Amino acid sequence: MKRCPIPNLKKSDKYHGVYYDSELPEPKRWVARANMSCARFAHIGNFETELEAAKAYNDYVKKYKHLNIYPFFDMVLNDMENKE
């Protein structure tokens, strides 16, 4: 699979489809987006926290049935929320 650079965005180490954009105004610097190809992506939204962006990405993936959803992602998110 070809890697495509995304200007200004730092990929999350924890979540697929989540990026940090230091050039966005605070507080909503976390970006959720679903990559379709190098030239196409769906901007899901900007969020205050990494976890909010991950949840939005997960909801989008479920709604539009993309095949790159991680199994048991909801269980992982619920477990993480309980630890916070």
PDB file of N, CA and C in Angstrom:
ATOM      1  N   MET A   1       0.841  -1.174   0.000  1.00  0.00           N
ATOM      2  CA  MET A   1       0.000   0.000   0.000  1.00  0.00           C
ATOM      3  C   MET A   1       0.890   1.242   0.000  1.00  0.00           C
ATOM      4  N   LYS A   2       0.566   2.190  -0.829  1.00  0.00           N
ATOM      5  CA  LYS A   2       1.352   3.413  -0.949  1.00  0.00           C
ATOM      6  C   LYS A   2       1.056   4.360   0.209  1.00  0.00           C
ATOM      7  N   ARG A   3       2.093   4.896   0.817  1.00  0.00           N
ATOM      8  CA  ARG A   3       1.943   5.885   1.892  1.00  0.00           C
ATOM      9  C   ARG A   3       1.862   7.269   1.273  1.00  0.00           C
ATOM     10  N   CYS A   4       0.943   8.085   1.745  1.00  0.00           N
ATOM     11  CA  CYS A   4       0.761   9.430   1.225  1.00  0.00           C
ATOM     12  C   CYS A   4       1.001  10.433   2.338  1.00  0.00           C
ATOM     13  N   PRO A   5       1.942  11.344   2.145  1.00  0.00           N
ATOM     14  CA  PRO A   5       2.200  12.330   3.196  1.00  0.00           C
ATOM     15  C   PRO A   5       1.023  13.268   3.383  1.00  0.00           C
ATOM     16  N   ILE A   6       0.771  13.645   4.610  1.00  0.00           N
ATOM     17  CA  ILE A   6      -0.309  14.577   4.934  1.00  0.00           C
ATOM     18  C   ILE A   6       0.336  15.794   5.572  1.00  0.00           C
ATOM     19  N   PRO A   7       0.348  16.925   4.860  1.00  0.00           N
ATOM     20  CA  PRO A   7       1.009  18.114   5.408  1.00  0.00           C
ATOM     21  C   PRO A   7       0.410  18.541   6.745  1.00  0.00           C
ATOM     22  N   ASN A   8       1.254  18.979   7.658  1.00  0.00           N
ATOM     23  CA  ASN A   8       0.858  19.541   8.956  1.00  0.00           C
ATOM     24  C   ASN A   8       0.252  18.537   9.931  1.00  0.00           C
ATOM     25  N   LEU A   9       0.007  17.312   9.528  1.00  0.00           N
ATOM     26  CA  LEU A   9      -0.674  16.370  10.406  1.00  0.00           C
ATOM     27  C   LEU A   9       0.300  15.331  10.953  1.00  0.00           C
ATOM     28  N   LYS A  10       0.208  15.099  12.261  1.00  0.00           N
ATOM     29  CA  LYS A  10       0.988  14.043  12.911  1.00  0.00           C
ATOM     30  C   LYS A  10       0.030  12.913  13.254  1.00  0.00           C
ATOM     31  N   LYS A  11       0.292  11.724  12.734  1.00  0.00           N
ATOM     32  CA  LYS A  11      -0.590  10.578  12.964  1.00  0.00           C
ATOM     33  C   LYS A  11      -0.563  10.168  14.430  1.00  0.00           C
ATOM     34  N   SER A  12      -1.739   9.826  14.936  1.00  0.00           N
ATOM     35  CA  SER A  12      -1.853   9.328  16.305  1.00  0.00           C
ATOM     36  C   SER A  12      -1.126   7.994  16.433  1.00  0.00           C
ATOM     37  N   ASP A  13      -0.453   7.810  17.547  1.00  0.00           N
ATOM     38  CA  ASP A  13       0.198   6.528  17.814  1.00  0.00           C
ATOM     39  C   ASP A  13      -0.806   5.485  18.296  1.00  0.00           C
ATOM     40  N   LYS A  14      -1.968   5.944  18.762  1.00  0.00           N
ATOM     41  CA  LYS A  14      -2.944   5.047  19.377  1.00  0.00           C
ATOM     42  C   LYS A  14      -4.081   4.642  18.447  1.00  0.00           C
ATOM     43  N   TYR A  15      -4.519   5.551  17.567  1.00  0.00           N
ATOM     44  CA  TYR A  15      -5.757   5.320  16.825  1.00  0.00           C
ATOM     45  C   TYR A  15      -5.577   5.492  15.325  1.00  0.00           C
ATOM     46  N   HIS A  16      -6.216   4.610  14.592  1.00  0.00           N
ATOM     47  CA  HIS A  16      -6.246   4.680  13.138  1.00  0.00           C
ATOM     48  C   HIS A  16      -7.191   5.806  12.724  1.00  0.00           C
ATOM     49  N   GLY A  17      -6.785   6.618  11.740  1.00  0.00           N
ATOM     50  CA  GLY A  17      -7.656   7.676  11.231  1.00  0.00           C
ATOM     51  C   GLY A  17      -7.664   8.945  12.056  1.00  0.00           C
ATOM     52  N   VAL A  18      -6.754   9.058  13.022  1.00  0.00           N
ATOM     53  CA  VAL A  18      -6.703  10.222  13.913  1.00  0.00           C
ATOM     54  C   VAL A  18      -5.345  10.907  13.760  1.00  0.00           C
ATOM     55  N   TYR A  19      -5.389  12.231  13.634  1.00  0.00           N
ATOM     56  CA  TYR A  19      -4.185  13.029  13.412  1.00  0.00           C
ATOM     57  C   TYR A  19      -4.217  14.260  14.306  1.00  0.00           C
ATOM     58  N   TYR A  20      -3.038  14.814  14.581  1.00  0.00           N
ATOM     59  CA  TYR A  20      -2.921  16.050  15.348  1.00  0.00           C
ATOM     60  C   TYR A  20      -2.396  17.132  14.410  1.00  0.00           C
ATOM     61  N   ASP A  21      -3.103  18.266  14.350  1.00  0.00           N
ATOM     62  CA  ASP A  21      -2.707  19.380  13.487  1.00  0.00           C
ATOM     63  C   ASP A  21      -2.362  20.580  14.353  1.00  0.00           C
ATOM     64  N   SER A  22      -1.084  20.859  14.496  1.00  0.00           N
ATOM     65  CA  SER A  22      -0.633  21.957  15.357  1.00  0.00           C
ATOM     66  C   SER A  22      -0.963  23.328  14.780  1.00  0.00           C
ATOM     67  N   GLU A  23      -1.340  23.392  13.510  1.00  0.00           N
ATOM     68  CA  GLU A  23      -1.656  24.678  12.893  1.00  0.00           C
ATOM     69  C   GLU A  23      -3.120  25.073  13.056  1.00  0.00           C
ATOM     70  N   LEU A  24      -3.953  24.177  13.530  1.00  0.00           N
ATOM     71  CA  LEU A  24      -5.358  24.514  13.782  1.00  0.00           C
ATOM     72  C   LEU A  24      -5.460  25.330  15.064  1.00  0.00           C
ATOM     73  N   PRO A  25      -6.474  26.218  15.146  1.00  0.00           N
ATOM     74  CA  PRO A  25      -6.647  26.966  16.397  1.00  0.00           C
ATOM     75  C   PRO A  25      -7.080  26.032  17.522  1.00  0.00           C
ATOM     76  N   GLU A  26      -6.606  26.326  18.719  1.00  0.00           N
ATOM     77  CA  GLU A  26      -7.017  25.518  19.871  1.00  0.00           C
ATOM     78  C   GLU A  26      -8.489  25.768  20.137  1.00  0.00           C
ATOM     79  N   PRO A  27      -9.237  24.891  20.747  1.00  0.00           N
ATOM     80  CA  PRO A  27      -8.782  23.623  21.316  1.00  0.00           C
ATOM     81  C   PRO A  27      -8.929  22.444  20.365  1.00  0.00           C
ATOM     82  N   LYS A  28      -9.527  22.631  19.191  1.00  0.00           N
ATOM     83  CA  LYS A  28      -9.856  21.480  18.337  1.00  0.00           C
ATOM     84  C   LYS A  28      -8.749  21.187  17.332  1.00  0.00           C
ATOM     85  N   ARG A  29      -7.687  20.577  17.824  1.00  0.00           N
ATOM     86  CA  ARG A  29      -6.545  20.260  16.971  1.00  0.00           C
ATOM     87  C   ARG A  29      -6.482  18.798  16.551  1.00  0.00           C
ATOM     88  N   TRP A  30      -7.333  17.960  17.127  1.00  0.00           N
ATOM     89  CA  TRP A  30      -7.360  16.548  16.738  1.00  0.00           C
ATOM     90  C   TRP A  30      -8.302  16.394  15.556  1.00  0.00           C
ATOM     91  N   VAL A  31      -7.837  15.742  14.501  1.00  0.00           N
ATOM     92  CA  VAL A  31      -8.581  15.594  13.255  1.00  0.00           C
ATOM     93  C   VAL A  31      -8.874  14.118  13.033  1.00  0.00           C
ATOM     94  N   ALA A  32     -10.123  13.825  12.665  1.00  0.00           N
ATOM     95  CA  ALA A  32     -10.492  12.462  12.275  1.00  0.00           C
ATOM     96  C   ALA A  32     -10.774  12.484  10.780  1.00  0.00           C
ATOM     97  N   ARG A  33     -10.173  11.554  10.068  1.00  0.00           N
ATOM     98  CA  ARG A  33     -10.418  11.469   8.631  1.00  0.00           C
ATOM     99  C   ARG A  33     -10.221  10.043   8.162  1.00  0.00           C
ATOM    100  N   ALA A  34     -11.019   9.668   7.178  1.00  0.00           N
ATOM    101  CA  ALA A  34     -10.930   8.329   6.601  1.00  0.00           C
ATOM    102  C   ALA A  34     -10.297   8.462   5.224  1.00  0.00           C
ATOM    103  N   ASN A  35      -9.172   7.836   5.030  1.00  0.00           N
ATOM    104  CA  ASN A  35      -8.481   7.893   3.745  1.00  0.00           C
ATOM    105  C   ASN A  35      -9.063   6.863   2.793  1.00  0.00           C
ATOM    106  N   MET A  36      -9.457   7.332   1.620  1.00  0.00           N
ATOM    107  CA  MET A  36      -9.988   6.445   0.593  1.00  0.00           C
ATOM    108  C   MET A  36      -8.875   6.053  -0.386  1.00  0.00           C
ATOM    109  N   SER A  37      -8.003   7.008  -0.671  1.00  0.00           N
ATOM    110  CA  SER A  37      -6.847   6.818  -1.544  1.00  0.00           C
ATOM    111  C   SER A  37      -5.918   7.994  -1.279  1.00  0.00           C
ATOM    112  N   CYS A  38      -4.818   8.075  -2.002  1.00  0.00           N
ATOM    113  CA  CYS A  38      -3.895   9.197  -1.790  1.00  0.00           C
ATOM    114  C   CYS A  38      -4.564  10.531  -2.091  1.00  0.00           C
ATOM    115  N   ALA A  39      -5.432  10.550  -3.047  1.00  0.00           N
ATOM    116  CA  ALA A  39      -6.042  11.811  -3.476  1.00  0.00           C
ATOM    117  C   ALA A  39      -7.388  12.076  -2.813  1.00  0.00           C
ATOM    118  N   ARG A  40      -7.993  11.074  -2.183  1.00  0.00           N
ATOM    119  CA  ARG A  40      -9.344  11.241  -1.644  1.00  0.00           C
ATOM    120  C   ARG A  40      -9.396  10.841  -0.180  1.00  0.00           C
ATOM    121  N   PHE A  41     -10.101  11.642   0.590  1.00  0.00           N
ATOM    122  CA  PHE A  41     -10.332  11.299   1.988  1.00  0.00           C
ATOM    123  C   PHE A  41     -11.626  11.959   2.434  1.00  0.00           C
ATOM    124  N   ALA A  42     -12.194  11.441   3.497  1.00  0.00           N
ATOM    125  CA  ALA A  42     -13.393  12.028   4.096  1.00  0.00           C
ATOM    126  C   ALA A  42     -12.979  12.713   5.388  1.00  0.00           C
ATOM    127  N   HIS A  43     -13.162  14.029   5.436  1.00  0.00           N
ATOM    128  CA  HIS A  43     -12.879  14.772   6.666  1.00  0.00           C
ATOM    129  C   HIS A  43     -14.071  14.565   7.592  1.00  0.00           C
ATOM    130  N   ILE A  44     -13.850  13.923   8.706  1.00  0.00           N
ATOM    131  CA  ILE A  44     -14.928  13.606   9.642  1.00  0.00           C
ATOM    132  C   ILE A  44     -15.153  14.756  10.604  1.00  0.00           C
ATOM    133  N   GLY A  45     -14.088  15.402  11.042  1.00  0.00           N
ATOM    134  CA  GLY A  45     -14.248  16.554  11.925  1.00  0.00           C
ATOM    135  C   GLY A  45     -13.003  16.857  12.724  1.00  0.00           C
ATOM    136  N   ASN A  46     -13.069  17.970  13.466  1.00  0.00           N
ATOM    137  CA  ASN A  46     -12.001  18.390  14.371  1.00  0.00           C
ATOM    138  C   ASN A  46     -12.507  18.247  15.799  1.00  0.00           C
ATOM    139  N   PHE A  47     -11.629  17.804  16.700  1.00  0.00           N
ATOM    140  CA  PHE A  47     -12.048  17.472  18.051  1.00  0.00           C
ATOM    141  C   PHE A  47     -11.039  17.970  19.079  1.00  0.00           C
ATOM    142  N   GLU A  48     -11.512  18.124  20.305  1.00  0.00           N
ATOM    143  CA  GLU A  48     -10.654  18.601  21.389  1.00  0.00           C
ATOM    144  C   GLU A  48      -9.714  17.525  21.903  1.00  0.00           C
ATOM    145  N   THR A  49     -10.142  16.268  21.843  1.00  0.00           N
ATOM    146  CA  THR A  49      -9.301  15.189  22.369  1.00  0.00           C
ATOM    147  C   THR A  49      -9.081  14.102  21.322  1.00  0.00           C
ATOM    148  N   GLU A  50      -8.016  13.378  21.523  1.00  0.00           N
ATOM    149  CA  GLU A  50      -7.683  12.256  20.652  1.00  0.00           C
ATOM    150  C   GLU A  50      -8.769  11.183  20.714  1.00  0.00           C
ATOM    151  N   LEU A  51      -9.298  10.930  21.900  1.00  0.00           N
ATOM    152  CA  LEU A  51     -10.326   9.907  22.075  1.00  0.00           C
ATOM    153  C   LEU A  51     -11.623  10.289  21.364  1.00  0.00           C
ATOM    154  N   GLU A  52     -12.019  11.569  21.429  1.00  0.00           N
ATOM    155  CA  GLU A  52     -13.218  12.022  20.708  1.00  0.00           C
ATOM    156  C   GLU A  52     -13.051  11.802  19.203  1.00  0.00           C
ATOM    157  N   ALA A  53     -11.875  12.111  18.689  1.00  0.00           N
ATOM    158  CA  ALA A  53     -11.607  11.912  17.264  1.00  0.00           C
ATOM    159  C   ALA A  53     -11.667  10.428  16.907  1.00  0.00           C
ATOM    160  N   ALA A  54     -11.138   9.570  17.772  1.00  0.00           N
ATOM    161  CA  ALA A  54     -11.162   8.126  17.524  1.00  0.00           C
ATOM    162  C   ALA A  54     -12.593   7.592  17.508  1.00  0.00           C
ATOM    163  N   LYS A  55     -13.417   8.067  18.418  1.00  0.00           N
ATOM    164  CA  LYS A  55     -14.823   7.633  18.448  1.00  0.00           C
ATOM    165  C   LYS A  55     -15.551   8.082  17.186  1.00  0.00           C
ATOM    166  N   ALA A  56     -15.308   9.314  16.751  1.00  0.00           N
ATOM    167  CA  ALA A  56     -15.954   9.826  15.539  1.00  0.00           C
ATOM    168  C   ALA A  56     -15.516   9.016  14.321  1.00  0.00           C
ATOM    169  N   TYR A  57     -14.236   8.681  14.265  1.00  0.00           N
ATOM    170  CA  TYR A  57     -13.732   7.854  13.170  1.00  0.00           C
ATOM    171  C   TYR A  57     -14.425   6.491  13.184  1.00  0.00           C
ATOM    172  N   ASN A  58     -14.520   5.898  14.356  1.00  0.00           N
ATOM    173  CA  ASN A  58     -15.149   4.585  14.481  1.00  0.00           C
ATOM    174  C   ASN A  58     -16.615   4.628  14.042  1.00  0.00           C
ATOM    175  N   ASP A  59     -17.347   5.655  14.465  1.00  0.00           N
ATOM    176  CA  ASP A  59     -18.749   5.803  14.063  1.00  0.00           C
ATOM    177  C   ASP A  59     -18.872   5.945  12.549  1.00  0.00           C
ATOM    178  N   TYR A  60     -17.985   6.726  11.952  1.00  0.00           N
ATOM    179  CA  TYR A  60     -18.000   6.925  10.503  1.00  0.00           C
ATOM    180  C   TYR A  60     -17.741   5.606   9.782  1.00  0.00           C
ATOM    181  N   VAL A  61     -16.740   4.883  10.238  1.00  0.00           N
ATOM    182  CA  VAL A  61     -16.380   3.616   9.603  1.00  0.00           C
ATOM    183  C   VAL A  61     -17.543   2.627   9.686  1.00  0.00           C
ATOM    184  N   LYS A  62     -18.192   2.564  10.847  1.00  0.00           N
ATOM    185  CA  LYS A  62     -19.345   1.667  10.998  1.00  0.00           C
ATOM    186  C   LYS A  62     -20.485   2.081  10.072  1.00  0.00           C
ATOM    187  N   LYS A  63     -20.764   3.378  10.027  1.00  0.00           N
ATOM    188  CA  LYS A  63     -21.887   3.884   9.227  1.00  0.00           C
ATOM    189  C   LYS A  63     -21.687   3.605   7.740  1.00  0.00           C
ATOM    190  N   TYR A  64     -20.484   3.831   7.244  1.00  0.00           N
ATOM    191  CA  TYR A  64     -20.231   3.679   5.816  1.00  0.00           C
ATOM    192  C   TYR A  64     -19.581   2.354   5.467  1.00  0.00           C
ATOM    193  N   LYS A  65     -19.424   1.488   6.465  1.00  0.00           N
ATOM    194  CA  LYS A  65     -18.987   0.102   6.272  1.00  0.00           C
ATOM    195  C   LYS A  65     -17.648  -0.034   5.545  1.00  0.00           C
ATOM    196  N   HIS A  66     -16.679   0.779   5.939  1.00  0.00           N
ATOM    197  CA  HIS A  66     -15.332   0.607   5.391  1.00  0.00           C
ATOM    198  C   HIS A  66     -14.738  -0.669   5.975  1.00  0.00           C
ATOM    199  N   LEU A  67     -13.910  -1.292   5.228  1.00  0.00           N
ATOM    200  CA  LEU A  67     -13.384  -2.586   5.638  1.00  0.00           C
ATOM    201  C   LEU A  67     -12.186  -2.506   6.572  1.00  0.00           C
ATOM    202  N   ASN A  68     -11.675  -1.310   6.839  1.00  0.00           N
ATOM    203  CA  ASN A  68     -10.483  -1.214   7.671  1.00  0.00           C
ATOM    204  C   ASN A  68     -10.788  -0.968   9.138  1.00  0.00           C
ATOM    205  N   ILE A  69     -12.003  -1.253   9.570  1.00  0.00           N
ATOM    206  CA  ILE A  69     -12.349  -1.087  10.983  1.00  0.00           C
ATOM    207  C   ILE A  69     -11.657  -2.181  11.791  1.00  0.00           C
ATOM    208  N   TYR A  70     -11.146  -1.800  12.925  1.00  0.00           N
ATOM    209  CA  TYR A  70     -10.504  -2.776  13.794  1.00  0.00           C
ATOM    210  C   TYR A  70     -11.567  -3.576  14.543  1.00  0.00           C
ATOM    211  N   PRO A  71     -11.436  -4.879  14.628  1.00  0.00           N
ATOM    212  CA  PRO A  71     -12.384  -5.674  15.415  1.00  0.00           C
ATOM    213  C   PRO A  71     -12.313  -5.293  16.891  1.00  0.00           C
ATOM    214  N   PHE A  72     -13.433  -5.327  17.526  1.00  0.00           N
ATOM    215  CA  PHE A  72     -13.539  -5.073  18.966  1.00  0.00           C
ATOM    216  C   PHE A  72     -13.111  -3.662  19.366  1.00  0.00           C
ATOM    217  N   PHE A  73     -13.170  -2.707  18.436  1.00  0.00           N
ATOM    218  CA  PHE A  73     -12.739  -1.336  18.721  1.00  0.00           C
ATOM    219  C   PHE A  73     -13.569  -0.717  19.836  1.00  0.00           C
ATOM    220  N   ASP A  74     -14.879  -0.972  19.849  1.00  0.00           N
ATOM    221  CA  ASP A  74     -15.739  -0.424  20.904  1.00  0.00           C
ATOM    222  C   ASP A  74     -15.329  -0.943  22.272  1.00  0.00           C
ATOM    223  N   MET A  75     -14.978  -2.220  22.348  1.00  0.00           N
ATOM    224  CA  MET A  75     -14.564  -2.777  23.634  1.00  0.00           C
ATOM    225  C   MET A  75     -13.294  -2.095  24.120  1.00  0.00           C
ATOM    226  N   VAL A  76     -12.377  -1.831  23.219  1.00  0.00           N
ATOM    227  CA  VAL A  76     -11.129  -1.160  23.583  1.00  0.00           C
ATOM    228  C   VAL A  76     -11.420   0.253  24.066  1.00  0.00           C
ATOM    229  N   LEU A  77     -12.278   0.988  23.348  1.00  0.00           N
ATOM    230  CA  LEU A  77     -12.620   2.352  23.755  1.00  0.00           C
ATOM    231  C   LEU A  77     -13.315   2.358  25.108  1.00  0.00           C
ATOM    232  N   ASN A  78     -14.246   1.445  25.313  1.00  0.00           N
ATOM    233  CA  ASN A  78     -14.949   1.389  26.593  1.00  0.00           C
ATOM    234  C   ASN A  78     -13.981   1.084  27.730  1.00  0.00           C
ATOM    235  N   ASP A  79     -13.066   0.184  27.488  1.00  0.00           N
ATOM    236  CA  ASP A  79     -12.074  -0.158  28.499  1.00  0.00           C
ATOM    237  C   ASP A  79     -11.197   1.050  28.825  1.00  0.00           C
ATOM    238  N   MET A  80     -10.809   1.800  27.809  1.00  0.00           N
ATOM    239  CA  MET A  80      -9.969   2.980  28.025  1.00  0.00           C
ATOM    240  C   MET A  80     -10.725   4.058  28.793  1.00  0.00           C
ATOM    241  N   GLU A  81     -12.009   4.248  28.475  1.00  0.00           N
ATOM    242  CA  GLU A  81     -12.806   5.255  29.173  1.00  0.00           C
ATOM    243  C   GLU A  81     -12.940   4.920  30.649  1.00  0.00           C
ATOM    244  N   ASN A  82     -13.077   3.636  30.952  1.00  0.00           N
ATOM    245  CA  ASN A  82     -13.227   3.219  32.346  1.00  0.00           C
ATOM    246  C   ASN A  82     -11.951   3.433  33.152  1.00  0.00           C
ATOM    247  N   LYS A  83     -10.809   3.455  32.477  1.00  0.00           N
ATOM    248  CA  LYS A  83      -9.533   3.652  33.162  1.00  0.00           C
ATOM    249  C   LYS A  83      -9.232   5.123  33.411  1.00  0.00           C
ATOM    250  N   GLU A  84      -9.910   6.018  32.684  1.00  0.00           N
ATOM    251  CA  GLU A  84      -9.641   7.459  32.836  1.00  0.00           C
ATOM    252  C   GLU A  84     -10.264   8.024  34.081  1.00  0.00           C
TER     253      GLU A  84
END
